[in-house]
Amino acid sequence: MSRIQPSNITNAMTVDVEDYYHVAAFEEQFSRDQWDSLPARVEKNTYRLLDIFAENNCQATFFILGAVGEKYPQLLRDIHQQGHEIASHGYAHQRATTQSRAVFHEDVYRSKSHLEDTIGEAILGYRAPSFSIDESNQWAFEVLTELGFKYSSSTYPVKHDLYGTPDWPRFKYTRDEGIIEIPVPTLKIVGKQMPIGGGGYFRLYPTWLAHFLVDKYLNKEQQPYSFYFHPWEIDPDQPRVTDAPFKSKFRHYLNLDKMEGRLKTLLQRYQWSSMKNVYQIK
């Protein structure tokens, strides 16, 4: 098999559009009924990302949290009008592993319906908050198929204290329920799967190491790479949560001041497009 250089592969850039108070790490500090009273940052940060993507000729997939979409419908329209893909991140950022089938159905239906009504186009993709589809709730794929989704990117084949399906497939595949699943990328090193898909790991790893791992993945696996992050990750001035556990604060605030620069370098180093374009979803 011939060696494929990273520059010849188009990869998927994705953004999970949620605010700092939506994240699972702070779910004990911010209840849902507090959201509207908190200083919002997501609109400003997402418009900044749109500018960065435009400067780097990058198309992306924006997995929009329904609560954000309802609050900022013009933001949705602007994302869509600039040629990016709109996809669903559910409505209330509840982990799917904590929801019943009925609650999950209502949460995802509410998000998908509002997104489609706002942009006037079918929503093809879904990503579960905190990659929270696993062995315990595979019925979620049945619900997604029933609701008309074509693909999901809701699994991360690693071991993690909050999520992970280490024994599940690592690359795009079609499930028995009829939906395509696109796992977050991992790199197999010495028999273990190393997380390389973005988010906090990208802020944790030195830039040279992050690039090395992506290059190794592209050359070794000859598969597109997909990257995910959040608008709050380019916002070092966001309000600080002081009463959260140390681990949560470390993960959330680590190297926020460096993220925008690292993102720009990543955009310039590789070719990017949306999930539906890269993985040819129709």
Foldseek 3Di string as FASTA:
>chain_A
DDFDFQQVAAFAEEEAQDFPCLAPLCCVPDPPVCVVVDDTDRLVLVVVVVVLCVVLVFAHEYAYAQCVCVVCLVSLQVNVVSPHHYAHAWHRLDQPLVDDPVVRLVRRLSSQVSSCVSNVDHHAEYEYRVLRDEPRPPCSLLSCVVSPHAEYARAELADDPRHHHVPDDQAWDADPSGHIYGYAHWDQDPNHTHHLAEQLVCLVDDLVVSVVRVRCCCRVVVAHHYHYYYSCLLPLPDDDDDPGDPVSRCSRNRNSPCVVVSVSVVSNVHHYHYPCVSVVTD
